[in-house]
């Protein structure tokens, strides 16, 4: 038997089955919860492949039965903390190529129920794409500043540079899609230079853009010091 619950104030209500004019003597409690009222989503964009940590901010503490929703993908379980719920964005289901930006409604849903009213938006961006570094060769003694343009670099994303197996911190140049890092000391020769994107909340690796599907691997040269 399926029933559609009527509107009701938040709280519990007894549910019983009526056959003809007779109510069942067995009842169960049904819980009505307040609609989760969203006030913000951070970040409001991420790569089409998913994997971004997205935080929904609420007016009140969300129920443990509340999950995230990304368009038609729900429920997406998350971690509650205070007035916030953090979820990992799923891969985009918006039709289109990797170069298409898809914008979907994002909100909250009660697990096992339909999606609550959606008023916020989340944008899927094309995959990050590392460009040619400048300069393309430095002294093997290290210490030179190297910059790399990273197309489609989302807001608030930190990064690291990887010279072969050596990983060094990177700094974003303002809000531009450019990162800079100081080349480490290395043996003379060629290495592959890449940029690793980090999640701003915990500093863990989010995605690797060392090689682009549209470009060959970037060779970076360490030269013998003069």
Protein backbone atom coordinates (compact mmCIF):
# COMPACT_ATOMS: atom_id res chain seq x y z
CA UNK A 1 0.00 0.00 0.00
CA UNK A 2 1.39 3.40 -0.99
CA UNK A 3 0.11 6.63 0.50
CA UNK A 4 1.04 10.25 -0.11
CA UNK A 5 1.42 12.06 3.22
CA UNK A 6 -0.53 15.30 3.57
CA UNK A 7 1.05 18.60 4.59
CA UNK A 8 1.91 18.71 8.28
CA UNK A 9 3.91 20.79 10.73
CA UNK A 10 7.37 19.44 11.62
CA UNK A 11 7.11 16.64 14.16
CA UNK A 12 5.78 13.10 14.44
CA UNK A 13 2.36 11.78 13.46
CA UNK A 14 0.78 8.36 14.03
CA UNK A 15 0.04 6.42 10.85
CA UNK A 16 -2.62 3.70 10.71
CA UNK A 17 -4.25 1.75 7.92
CA UNK A 18 -8.02 2.00 7.46
CA UNK A 19 -9.91 -0.78 5.67
CA UNK A 20 -13.51 0.20 4.91
CA UNK A 21 -14.54 2.04 8.08
CA UNK A 22 -12.18 0.25 10.45
CA UNK A 23 -8.75 1.54 11.48
CA UNK A 24 -5.97 -0.92 12.21
CA UNK A 25 -5.01 -1.19 15.85
CA UNK A 26 -1.34 -1.13 14.85
CA UNK A 27 0.17 2.28 14.26
CA UNK A 28 3.62 3.57 13.41
CA UNK A 29 5.19 6.98 13.78
CA UNK A 30 5.91 9.08 10.70
CA UNK A 31 8.37 11.96 11.06
CA UNK A 32 7.78 15.32 9.35
CA UNK A 33 10.92 17.40 9.04
CA UNK A 34 11.32 21.06 8.17
CA UNK A 35 12.35 21.75 4.58
CA UNK A 36 16.14 22.32 4.41
CA UNK A 37 16.57 26.03 3.65
CA UNK A 38 19.76 26.66 1.69
CA UNK A 39 21.65 29.94 1.79
CA UNK A 40 24.83 29.13 -0.16
CA UNK A 41 26.97 26.65 -2.08
CA UNK A 42 30.81 26.68 -2.08
CA UNK A 43 32.43 26.25 -4.52
CA UNK A 44 29.79 26.86 -7.16
CA UNK A 45 31.76 25.14 -9.89
CA UNK A 46 33.93 22.11 -10.50
CA UNK A 47 35.26 19.78 -13.23
CA UNK A 48 32.90 17.61 -15.29
CA UNK A 49 34.60 14.47 -13.96
CA UNK A 50 33.28 15.26 -10.48
CA UNK A 51 35.23 14.81 -7.26
CA UNK A 52 34.88 18.38 -5.92
CA UNK A 53 34.09 18.85 -2.23
CA UNK A 54 30.95 21.02 -2.29
CA UNK A 55 29.55 22.57 0.89
CA UNK A 56 25.87 23.51 1.23
CA UNK A 57 25.13 26.11 3.90
CA UNK A 58 21.77 26.00 5.71
CA UNK A 59 19.83 28.37 7.96
CA UNK A 60 19.56 25.61 10.58
CA UNK A 61 21.48 22.42 11.34
CA UNK A 62 20.50 19.90 8.65
CA UNK A 63 18.91 16.63 9.67
CA UNK A 64 20.97 13.43 9.50
CA UNK A 65 18.48 12.28 6.85
CA UNK A 66 19.31 15.19 4.53
CA UNK A 67 21.61 14.57 1.56
CA UNK A 68 22.86 16.62 -1.40
CA UNK A 69 21.32 16.63 -4.85
CA UNK A 70 23.04 17.57 -8.11
CA UNK A 71 20.39 17.94 -10.77
CA UNK A 72 18.84 14.52 -11.31
CA UNK A 73 21.51 12.79 -9.19
CA UNK A 74 20.27 12.29 -5.61
CA UNK A 75 20.65 11.47 -2.84
CA UNK A 76 24.39 12.14 -2.57
CA UNK A 77 25.52 11.37 0.96
CA UNK A 78 27.66 13.94 2.77
CA UNK A 79 29.24 14.97 6.05
CA UNK A 80 27.30 17.26 8.39
CA UNK A 81 29.13 19.90 10.42
CA UNK A 82 27.26 22.75 12.12
CA UNK A 83 24.95 24.46 9.64
CA UNK A 84 26.68 22.85 6.66
CA UNK A 85 26.60 19.65 4.63
CA UNK A 86 29.64 18.70 2.52
CA UNK A 87 29.31 16.29 -0.41
CA UNK A 88 31.50 15.11 -3.27
CA UNK A 89 30.14 16.24 -6.63
CA UNK A 90 29.30 13.36 -8.99
CA UNK A 91 30.41 13.27 -12.60
CA UNK A 92 28.35 15.51 -14.85
CA UNK A 93 25.27 14.01 -16.47
CA UNK A 94 24.75 17.10 -18.63
CA UNK A 95 24.96 16.10 -22.32
CA UNK A 96 27.85 17.59 -24.23
CA UNK A 97 31.54 17.28 -24.93
CA UNK A 98 34.38 17.86 -22.48
CA UNK A 99 34.49 21.46 -23.68
CA UNK A 100 30.88 22.14 -22.67
CA UNK A 101 30.06 24.01 -19.49
CA UNK A 102 26.96 22.52 -17.85
CA UNK A 103 24.93 24.37 -15.21
CA UNK A 104 22.66 22.31 -12.95
CA UNK A 105 20.47 23.03 -9.91
CA UNK A 106 22.04 21.91 -6.63
CA UNK A 107 20.23 21.53 -3.36
CA UNK A 108 19.19 19.14 -0.61
CA UNK A 109 16.94 16.11 -0.42
CA UNK A 110 15.61 13.89 2.31
CA UNK A 111 16.94 10.37 1.86
CA UNK A 112 14.14 8.24 0.47
CA UNK A 113 12.08 11.24 -0.58
CA UNK A 114 11.95 13.66 -3.47
CA UNK A 115 14.20 16.64 -3.94
CA UNK A 116 13.45 19.80 -2.00
CA UNK A 117 12.97 23.06 -3.83
CA UNK A 118 16.20 23.96 -5.64
CA UNK A 119 17.31 27.58 -5.67
CA UNK A 120 21.09 27.33 -6.08
CA UNK A 121 23.25 26.39 -9.04
CA UNK A 122 26.46 24.44 -9.63
CA UNK A 123 28.47 24.80 -12.84
CA UNK A 124 30.40 21.92 -14.39
CA UNK A 125 33.55 23.20 -16.09
CA UNK A 126 35.70 21.58 -18.78
CA UNK A 127 38.58 19.56 -17.38
CA UNK A 128 41.66 21.56 -16.23
CA UNK A 129 44.34 21.68 -18.90
CA UNK A 130 48.02 22.46 -18.19
CA UNK A 131 49.82 24.66 -20.69
CA UNK A 132 53.47 25.16 -21.61
CA UNK A 133 55.62 26.38 -18.68
CA UNK A 134 57.68 29.54 -18.78
CA UNK A 135 60.60 29.20 -18.92
CA UNK A 136 60.94 25.68 -20.29
CA UNK A 137 64.47 25.22 -18.91
CA UNK A 138 66.28 26.36 -15.74
CA UNK A 139 69.54 25.71 -13.98
CA UNK A 140 69.87 22.31 -12.29
CA UNK A 141 70.83 24.22 -9.17
CA UNK A 142 67.16 25.07 -8.65
CA UNK A 143 65.67 28.29 -7.31
CA UNK A 144 64.19 29.63 -10.57
CA UNK A 145 60.55 30.77 -10.68
CA UNK A 146 58.43 28.81 -13.18
CA UNK A 147 54.86 29.71 -14.20
CA UNK A 148 52.26 27.46 -15.80
CA UNK A 149 48.90 28.46 -17.25
CA UNK A 150 46.11 26.05 -16.29
CA UNK A 151 42.98 26.48 -18.39
CA UNK A 152 39.61 26.00 -16.64
CA UNK A 153 41.14 26.33 -13.17
CA UNK A 154 38.21 26.63 -10.76
CA UNK A 155 37.98 29.32 -8.09
CA UNK A 156 39.55 28.52 -4.73
CA UNK A 157 41.65 25.62 -5.99
CA UNK A 158 45.23 25.40 -4.72
CA UNK A 159 47.99 23.57 -6.57
CA UNK A 160 51.40 21.93 -6.45
CA UNK A 161 54.03 21.60 -9.17
CA UNK A 162 55.62 18.24 -9.92
CA UNK A 163 59.04 18.17 -11.58
CA UNK A 164 59.49 14.48 -12.33
CA UNK A 165 59.13 12.94 -8.87
CA UNK A 166 59.87 16.15 -6.96
CA UNK A 167 56.80 17.98 -5.64
CA UNK A 168 57.00 21.65 -4.64
CA UNK A 169 54.35 24.14 -3.46
CA UNK A 170 52.69 26.37 -6.06
CA UNK A 171 51.09 29.79 -5.78
CA UNK A 172 48.16 31.04 -7.80
CA UNK A 173 48.84 34.37 -9.45
CA UNK A 174 45.87 36.40 -8.20
CA UNK A 175 42.59 35.03 -9.50
CA UNK A 176 44.12 34.19 -12.86
CA UNK A 177 44.42 30.62 -14.11
CA UNK A 178 48.19 30.76 -13.63
CA UNK A 179 50.32 29.04 -11.00
CA UNK A 180 53.95 29.70 -10.14
CA UNK A 181 56.47 27.54 -8.32
CA UNK A 182 60.18 27.46 -7.57
CA UNK A 183 62.08 24.75 -9.41
CA UNK A 184 63.90 22.34 -7.09
CA UNK A 185 67.53 21.24 -7.37
CA UNK A 186 67.83 18.35 -9.83
CA UNK A 187 70.24 16.42 -12.00
CA UNK A 188 70.71 17.85 -15.51
CA UNK A 189 68.27 16.39 -18.02
CA UNK A 190 64.61 16.34 -18.99
CA UNK A 191 61.68 15.69 -16.65
CA UNK A 192 57.91 15.87 -17.02
CA UNK A 193 56.45 18.98 -15.42
CA UNK A 194 52.88 18.79 -14.16
CA UNK A 195 50.43 20.63 -11.93
CA UNK A 196 48.49 18.83 -9.19
CA UNK A 197 45.28 20.49 -8.04
CA UNK A 198 44.51 20.36 -4.33
CA UNK A 199 41.26 20.60 -2.46
CA UNK A 200 41.28 23.88 -0.48
CA UNK A 201 39.69 22.30 2.61
CA UNK A 202 42.18 19.57 3.42
CA UNK A 203 45.10 20.05 1.05
CA UNK A 204 44.70 16.58 -0.41
CA UNK A 205 45.26 15.80 -4.08
CA UNK A 206 42.12 16.45 -6.09
CA UNK A 207 43.23 15.88 -9.68
CA UNK A 208 46.33 15.70 -11.82
CA UNK A 209 46.73 17.85 -14.91
CA UNK A 210 50.29 16.91 -15.73
CA UNK A 211 49.37 15.79 -19.21
CA UNK A 212 46.47 17.06 -21.21
CA UNK A 213 44.41 14.85 -23.53
CA UNK A 214 44.85 17.63 -26.08
CA UNK A 215 48.62 18.04 -25.65
CA UNK A 216 51.71 15.86 -25.40
CA UNK A 217 53.56 15.57 -22.11
CA UNK A 218 55.43 18.75 -21.23
CA UNK A 219 59.19 18.23 -21.20
CA UNK A 220 61.07 20.49 -18.81
CA UNK A 221 64.86 20.77 -18.91
CA UNK A 222 67.28 21.15 -16.01
CA UNK A 223 70.51 22.52 -17.45
CA UNK A 224 74.04 22.34 -16.11
CA UNK A 225 74.73 25.52 -14.08
CA UNK A 226 76.93 28.01 -15.90
